[in-house]
Amino acid sequence: MTTDSHCIFCKIVAGAIPSRKVYEDDDIFAFHDIHPWAPVHFLLIPKAHIASMAQIGPGHDALLGRMMALAPKLALQEGCRPYPEGGFRIVCNTGAEGGQEVQHLHLHVMGGPRPWLKG
């Protein structure tokens, strides 16, 4: 597994920076956003350092599929109401023009009663 010693998310995965963990397995880590935009707001990241969605290739299909499949389960676990009355949003900012602030692939999962801070 590749890591970047300067990446804040790699440091969170390693336990060098504390986080409020939502989920962890061999390949994926999820934790609460420190500046939430919604009542439920957590990040899903691969443990391996992948800079952004722009670096995703065919070898990442299974990883991304697992991340997307985990999102609904974790959203309910963290307090989102069930579909169709409830729900959640998944956002993946990519690159500077896409609003990406941390150069480690991450999915924002946000939900809960509206209106939200942003979005």
N, C-alpha and C. Protein backbone atom coordinates (compact mmCIF):
# COMPACT_ATOMS: atom_id res chain seq x y z
N MET A 1 0.86 -1.18 0.00
CA MET A 1 0.00 0.00 0.00
C MET A 1 0.90 1.24 0.00
N THR A 2 0.61 2.14 -0.91
CA THR A 2 1.39 3.37 -0.99
C THR A 2 0.81 4.42 -0.05
N THR A 3 1.71 5.16 0.59
CA THR A 3 1.30 6.26 1.46
C THR A 3 2.16 7.48 1.14
N ASP A 4 1.73 8.63 1.61
CA ASP A 4 2.48 9.87 1.45
C ASP A 4 2.68 10.44 2.85
N SER A 5 3.92 10.53 3.28
CA SER A 5 4.22 10.97 4.65
C SER A 5 3.80 12.42 4.92
N HIS A 6 3.50 13.19 3.87
CA HIS A 6 3.08 14.58 4.03
C HIS A 6 1.57 14.75 3.96
N CYS A 7 0.85 13.68 3.66
CA CYS A 7 -0.60 13.74 3.45
C CYS A 7 -1.35 13.61 4.78
N ILE A 8 -2.22 14.57 5.07
CA ILE A 8 -2.98 14.56 6.33
C ILE A 8 -3.87 13.33 6.44
N PHE A 9 -4.46 12.89 5.32
CA PHE A 9 -5.33 11.71 5.39
C PHE A 9 -4.52 10.43 5.59
N CYS A 10 -3.34 10.34 5.01
CA CYS A 10 -2.46 9.19 5.27
C CYS A 10 -2.08 9.16 6.76
N LYS A 11 -1.85 10.34 7.34
CA LYS A 11 -1.53 10.42 8.77
C LYS A 11 -2.72 10.01 9.63
N ILE A 12 -3.93 10.35 9.20
CA ILE A 12 -5.13 9.92 9.93
C ILE A 12 -5.27 8.41 9.87
N VAL A 13 -5.08 7.82 8.71
CA VAL A 13 -5.15 6.36 8.56
C VAL A 13 -4.12 5.69 9.46
N ALA A 14 -2.92 6.25 9.55
CA ALA A 14 -1.84 5.68 10.37
C ALA A 14 -2.06 5.89 11.86
N GLY A 15 -3.00 6.75 12.23
CA GLY A 15 -3.25 7.03 13.65
C GLY A 15 -2.38 8.13 14.21
N ALA A 16 -1.59 8.80 13.36
CA ALA A 16 -0.72 9.88 13.81
C ALA A 16 -1.52 11.16 14.09
N ILE A 17 -2.68 11.28 13.46
CA ILE A 17 -3.59 12.40 13.70
C ILE A 17 -4.92 11.77 14.12
N PRO A 18 -5.47 12.21 15.25
CA PRO A 18 -6.73 11.61 15.71
C PRO A 18 -7.91 11.95 14.80
N SER A 19 -8.88 11.04 14.79
CA SER A 19 -10.11 11.26 14.03
C SER A 19 -11.25 10.55 14.75
N ARG A 20 -12.46 10.92 14.38
CA ARG A 20 -13.65 10.21 14.89
C ARG A 20 -14.03 9.17 13.86
N LYS A 21 -13.52 7.97 14.06
CA LYS A 21 -13.67 6.90 13.07
C LYS A 21 -15.12 6.45 12.96
N VAL A 22 -15.54 6.24 11.71
CA VAL A 22 -16.86 5.72 11.38
C VAL A 22 -16.74 4.25 10.99
N TYR A 23 -15.67 3.91 10.25
CA TYR A 23 -15.52 2.57 9.69
C TYR A 23 -14.06 2.35 9.30
N GLU A 24 -13.63 1.08 9.35
CA GLU A 24 -12.29 0.73 8.89
C GLU A 24 -12.27 -0.73 8.49
N ASP A 25 -11.61 -1.01 7.36
CA ASP A 25 -11.28 -2.38 6.97
C ASP A 25 -9.87 -2.34 6.38
N ASP A 26 -9.46 -3.38 5.70
CA ASP A 26 -8.09 -3.43 5.18
C ASP A 26 -7.78 -2.35 4.14
N ASP A 27 -8.80 -1.89 3.42
CA ASP A 27 -8.57 -0.98 2.30
C ASP A 27 -9.22 0.39 2.43
N ILE A 28 -10.19 0.52 3.33
CA ILE A 28 -11.02 1.74 3.39
C ILE A 28 -11.07 2.25 4.83
N PHE A 29 -11.08 3.57 4.96
CA PHE A 29 -11.21 4.22 6.26
C PHE A 29 -12.27 5.31 6.12
N ALA A 30 -13.13 5.45 7.10
CA ALA A 30 -14.14 6.50 7.09
C ALA A 30 -14.11 7.22 8.44
N PHE A 31 -14.23 8.55 8.39
CA PHE A 31 -14.19 9.35 9.61
C PHE A 31 -15.01 10.62 9.43
N HIS A 32 -15.45 11.19 10.55
CA HIS A 32 -16.26 12.41 10.53
C HIS A 32 -15.42 13.60 10.04
N ASP A 33 -16.05 14.44 9.24
CA ASP A 33 -15.42 15.67 8.77
C ASP A 33 -15.27 16.63 9.95
N ILE A 34 -14.11 17.29 10.06
CA ILE A 34 -13.90 18.19 11.19
C ILE A 34 -14.64 19.52 11.02
N HIS A 35 -15.07 19.83 9.80
CA HIS A 35 -15.87 21.04 9.53
C HIS A 35 -17.12 20.62 8.76
N PRO A 36 -18.07 19.97 9.43
CA PRO A 36 -19.23 19.42 8.71
C PRO A 36 -20.11 20.49 8.08
N TRP A 37 -20.63 20.17 6.90
CA TRP A 37 -21.56 21.03 6.18
C TRP A 37 -23.00 20.61 6.42
N ALA A 38 -23.20 19.42 6.98
CA ALA A 38 -24.53 18.85 7.17
C ALA A 38 -24.57 18.13 8.51
N PRO A 39 -25.76 17.83 9.02
CA PRO A 39 -25.85 17.12 10.30
C PRO A 39 -25.08 15.80 10.31
N VAL A 40 -25.09 15.09 9.18
CA VAL A 40 -24.25 13.90 9.00
C VAL A 40 -23.24 14.25 7.92
N HIS A 41 -21.96 14.15 8.22
CA HIS A 41 -20.92 14.47 7.23
C HIS A 41 -19.66 13.71 7.60
N PHE A 42 -19.38 12.68 6.81
CA PHE A 42 -18.15 11.92 7.02
C PHE A 42 -17.45 11.71 5.68
N LEU A 43 -16.19 11.32 5.75
CA LEU A 43 -15.38 11.08 4.56
C LEU A 43 -15.07 9.60 4.45
N LEU A 44 -15.13 9.09 3.24
CA LEU A 44 -14.70 7.72 2.92
C LEU A 44 -13.43 7.84 2.09
N ILE A 45 -12.35 7.22 2.53
CA ILE A 45 -11.08 7.32 1.79
C ILE A 45 -10.47 5.94 1.61
N PRO A 46 -9.70 5.76 0.53
CA PRO A 46 -8.90 4.54 0.44
C PRO A 46 -7.71 4.69 1.39
N LYS A 47 -7.27 3.59 1.99
CA LYS A 47 -6.08 3.66 2.84
C LYS A 47 -4.83 3.93 2.00
N ALA A 48 -4.80 3.38 0.80
CA ALA A 48 -3.68 3.65 -0.10
C ALA A 48 -3.78 5.09 -0.58
N HIS A 49 -2.63 5.74 -0.73
CA HIS A 49 -2.64 7.13 -1.18
C HIS A 49 -2.89 7.17 -2.69
N ILE A 50 -4.06 7.69 -3.03
CA ILE A 50 -4.42 8.00 -4.42
C ILE A 50 -4.76 9.48 -4.38
N ALA A 51 -4.08 10.27 -5.17
CA ALA A 51 -4.20 11.72 -5.04
C ALA A 51 -5.60 12.25 -5.32
N SER A 52 -6.28 11.72 -6.33
CA SER A 52 -7.61 12.23 -6.67
C SER A 52 -8.33 11.26 -7.58
N MET A 53 -9.57 11.57 -7.90
CA MET A 53 -10.35 10.76 -8.84
C MET A 53 -9.68 10.75 -10.21
N ALA A 54 -8.90 11.78 -10.52
CA ALA A 54 -8.22 11.86 -11.82
C ALA A 54 -7.16 10.77 -11.97
N GLN A 55 -6.69 10.18 -10.87
CA GLN A 55 -5.69 9.13 -10.93
C GLN A 55 -6.30 7.72 -10.91
N ILE A 56 -7.61 7.62 -10.93
CA ILE A 56 -8.28 6.33 -10.89
C ILE A 56 -8.16 5.64 -12.24
N GLY A 57 -7.86 4.34 -12.18
CA GLY A 57 -7.77 3.54 -13.40
C GLY A 57 -8.54 2.24 -13.23
N PRO A 58 -8.49 1.38 -14.24
CA PRO A 58 -9.23 0.11 -14.19
C PRO A 58 -8.88 -0.76 -12.97
N GLY A 59 -7.69 -0.65 -12.46
CA GLY A 59 -7.30 -1.43 -11.29
C GLY A 59 -7.98 -1.00 -10.00
N HIS A 60 -8.68 0.11 -10.04
CA HIS A 60 -9.35 0.63 -8.85
C HIS A 60 -10.86 0.34 -8.83
N ASP A 61 -11.36 -0.37 -9.82
CA ASP A 61 -12.80 -0.62 -9.93
C ASP A 61 -13.39 -1.22 -8.66
N ALA A 62 -12.77 -2.27 -8.16
CA ALA A 62 -13.31 -2.96 -6.98
C ALA A 62 -13.29 -2.05 -5.75
N LEU A 63 -12.22 -1.31 -5.56
CA LEU A 63 -12.11 -0.41 -4.42
C LEU A 63 -13.21 0.65 -4.46
N LEU A 64 -13.39 1.30 -5.60
CA LEU A 64 -14.41 2.33 -5.71
C LEU A 64 -15.81 1.74 -5.57
N GLY A 65 -16.01 0.57 -6.11
CA GLY A 65 -17.30 -0.09 -5.96
C GLY A 65 -17.61 -0.38 -4.50
N ARG A 66 -16.62 -0.83 -3.75
CA ARG A 66 -16.82 -1.09 -2.32
C ARG A 66 -17.09 0.20 -1.57
N MET A 67 -16.38 1.28 -1.91
CA MET A 67 -16.60 2.55 -1.24
C MET A 67 -18.04 3.04 -1.49
N MET A 68 -18.49 2.96 -2.73
CA MET A 68 -19.85 3.41 -3.05
C MET A 68 -20.90 2.52 -2.39
N ALA A 69 -20.64 1.23 -2.32
CA ALA A 69 -21.59 0.31 -1.69
C ALA A 69 -21.65 0.51 -0.17
N LEU A 70 -20.56 0.95 0.43
CA LEU A 70 -20.53 1.22 1.87
C LEU A 70 -21.27 2.49 2.25
N ALA A 71 -21.29 3.46 1.36
CA ALA A 71 -21.87 4.77 1.67
C ALA A 71 -23.29 4.69 2.22
N PRO A 72 -24.23 3.97 1.60
CA PRO A 72 -25.60 3.93 2.14
C PRO A 72 -25.67 3.30 3.53
N LYS A 73 -24.92 2.22 3.73
CA LYS A 73 -24.92 1.54 5.03
C LYS A 73 -24.40 2.48 6.12
N LEU A 74 -23.28 3.14 5.85
CA LEU A 74 -22.69 4.03 6.84
C LEU A 74 -23.54 5.28 7.05
N ALA A 75 -24.18 5.77 5.98
CA ALA A 75 -25.05 6.95 6.11
C ALA A 75 -26.19 6.65 7.10
N LEU A 76 -26.81 5.50 6.97
CA LEU A 76 -27.88 5.11 7.91
C LEU A 76 -27.32 4.94 9.32
N GLN A 77 -26.17 4.29 9.41
CA GLN A 77 -25.53 4.07 10.71
C GLN A 77 -25.26 5.39 11.43
N GLU A 78 -24.89 6.43 10.67
CA GLU A 78 -24.50 7.71 11.26
C GLU A 78 -25.66 8.66 11.46
N GLY A 79 -26.86 8.27 11.06
CA GLY A 79 -28.02 9.09 11.39
C GLY A 79 -28.87 9.59 10.25
N CYS A 80 -28.52 9.27 9.01
CA CYS A 80 -29.37 9.67 7.89
C CYS A 80 -30.66 8.84 7.93
N ARG A 81 -31.76 9.48 7.57
CA ARG A 81 -33.03 8.75 7.50
C ARG A 81 -33.07 7.94 6.21
N PRO A 82 -33.81 6.83 6.20
CA PRO A 82 -33.87 5.97 5.02
C PRO A 82 -34.50 6.64 3.80
N TYR A 83 -34.12 6.16 2.66
CA TYR A 83 -34.70 6.54 1.37
C TYR A 83 -36.14 6.03 1.32
N PRO A 84 -37.10 6.73 0.76
CA PRO A 84 -36.97 7.93 -0.05
C PRO A 84 -37.16 9.24 0.72
N GLU A 85 -37.72 9.20 1.94
CA GLU A 85 -37.94 10.46 2.67
C GLU A 85 -36.63 11.07 3.13
N GLY A 86 -35.71 10.23 3.56
CA GLY A 86 -34.40 10.70 4.00
C GLY A 86 -33.45 10.74 2.82
N GLY A 87 -32.22 10.33 3.07
CA GLY A 87 -31.24 10.28 1.99
C GLY A 87 -29.93 10.94 2.36
N PHE A 88 -29.07 11.05 1.38
CA PHE A 88 -27.74 11.60 1.58
C PHE A 88 -27.18 12.01 0.23
N ARG A 89 -26.07 12.72 0.27
CA ARG A 89 -25.36 13.16 -0.94
C ARG A 89 -23.95 12.63 -0.88
N ILE A 90 -23.41 12.21 -2.02
CA ILE A 90 -22.01 11.81 -2.13
C ILE A 90 -21.33 12.81 -3.07
N VAL A 91 -20.24 13.42 -2.60
CA VAL A 91 -19.51 14.41 -3.39
C VAL A 91 -18.04 14.02 -3.43
N CYS A 92 -17.45 14.12 -4.62
CA CYS A 92 -16.01 13.86 -4.76
C CYS A 92 -15.39 15.03 -5.53
N ASN A 93 -14.79 15.95 -4.80
CA ASN A 93 -14.11 17.09 -5.41
C ASN A 93 -12.80 16.60 -6.02
N THR A 94 -12.50 17.06 -7.23
CA THR A 94 -11.30 16.60 -7.93
C THR A 94 -10.54 17.79 -8.51
N GLY A 95 -9.31 17.98 -8.08
CA GLY A 95 -8.46 19.05 -8.59
C GLY A 95 -8.85 20.41 -8.05
N ALA A 96 -7.99 21.38 -8.33
CA ALA A 96 -8.18 22.74 -7.82
C ALA A 96 -9.51 23.34 -8.28
N GLU A 97 -9.83 23.20 -9.56
CA GLU A 97 -11.07 23.77 -10.07
C GLU A 97 -12.29 23.01 -9.59
N GLY A 98 -12.10 21.77 -9.14
CA GLY A 98 -13.20 20.98 -8.59
C GLY A 98 -13.38 21.16 -7.10
N GLY A 99 -12.54 22.01 -6.49
CA GLY A 99 -12.67 22.30 -5.07
C GLY A 99 -11.96 21.33 -4.14
N GLN A 100 -11.06 20.50 -4.66
CA GLN A 100 -10.35 19.54 -3.82
C GLN A 100 -9.31 20.28 -2.98
N GLU A 101 -9.40 20.10 -1.65
CA GLU A 101 -8.47 20.77 -0.74
C GLU A 101 -7.38 19.84 -0.23
N VAL A 102 -7.69 18.56 -0.05
CA VAL A 102 -6.70 17.57 0.40
C VAL A 102 -6.44 16.63 -0.77
N GLN A 103 -5.17 16.49 -1.12
CA GLN A 103 -4.79 15.70 -2.29
C GLN A 103 -4.70 14.21 -1.95
N HIS A 104 -5.82 13.67 -1.52
CA HIS A 104 -5.99 12.24 -1.26
C HIS A 104 -7.45 11.97 -1.59
N LEU A 105 -7.71 11.05 -2.49
CA LEU A 105 -9.07 10.75 -2.91
C LEU A 105 -9.99 10.59 -1.71
N HIS A 106 -11.12 11.27 -1.72
CA HIS A 106 -12.09 11.13 -0.64
C HIS A 106 -13.49 11.44 -1.13
N LEU A 107 -14.43 10.68 -0.59
CA LEU A 107 -15.84 10.90 -0.86
C LEU A 107 -16.46 11.55 0.37
N HIS A 108 -17.13 12.67 0.19
CA HIS A 108 -17.92 13.27 1.27
C HIS A 108 -19.29 12.60 1.23
N VAL A 109 -19.75 12.11 2.37
CA VAL A 109 -21.11 11.59 2.48
C VAL A 109 -21.83 12.51 3.46
N MET A 110 -22.89 13.18 2.95
CA MET A 110 -23.59 14.19 3.75
C MET A 110 -25.08 13.94 3.72
N GLY A 111 -25.72 14.14 4.86
CA GLY A 111 -27.16 13.97 4.93
C GLY A 111 -27.72 14.58 6.18
N GLY A 112 -28.99 14.36 6.38
CA GLY A 112 -29.69 14.92 7.53
C GLY A 112 -30.63 16.02 7.11
N PRO A 113 -31.42 16.52 8.05
CA PRO A 113 -32.41 17.54 7.73
C PRO A 113 -31.79 18.77 7.09
N ARG A 114 -32.51 19.34 6.14
CA ARG A 114 -32.07 20.55 5.45
C ARG A 114 -32.64 21.77 6.17
N PRO A 115 -32.13 22.96 6.02
CA PRO A 115 -31.04 23.32 5.11
C PRO A 115 -29.68 23.03 5.72
N TRP A 116 -28.74 22.77 4.85
CA TRP A 116 -27.35 22.52 5.28
C TRP A 116 -26.56 23.81 5.18
N LEU A 117 -25.39 23.78 5.82
CA LEU A 117 -24.48 24.91 5.78
C LEU A 117 -24.11 25.27 4.34
N LYS A 118 -23.76 24.24 3.56
CA LYS A 118 -23.40 24.41 2.15
C LYS A 118 -24.05 23.27 1.37
N GLY A 119 -24.13 23.44 0.05
CA GLY A 119 -24.62 22.36 -0.80
C GLY A 119 -26.08 22.41 -1.00
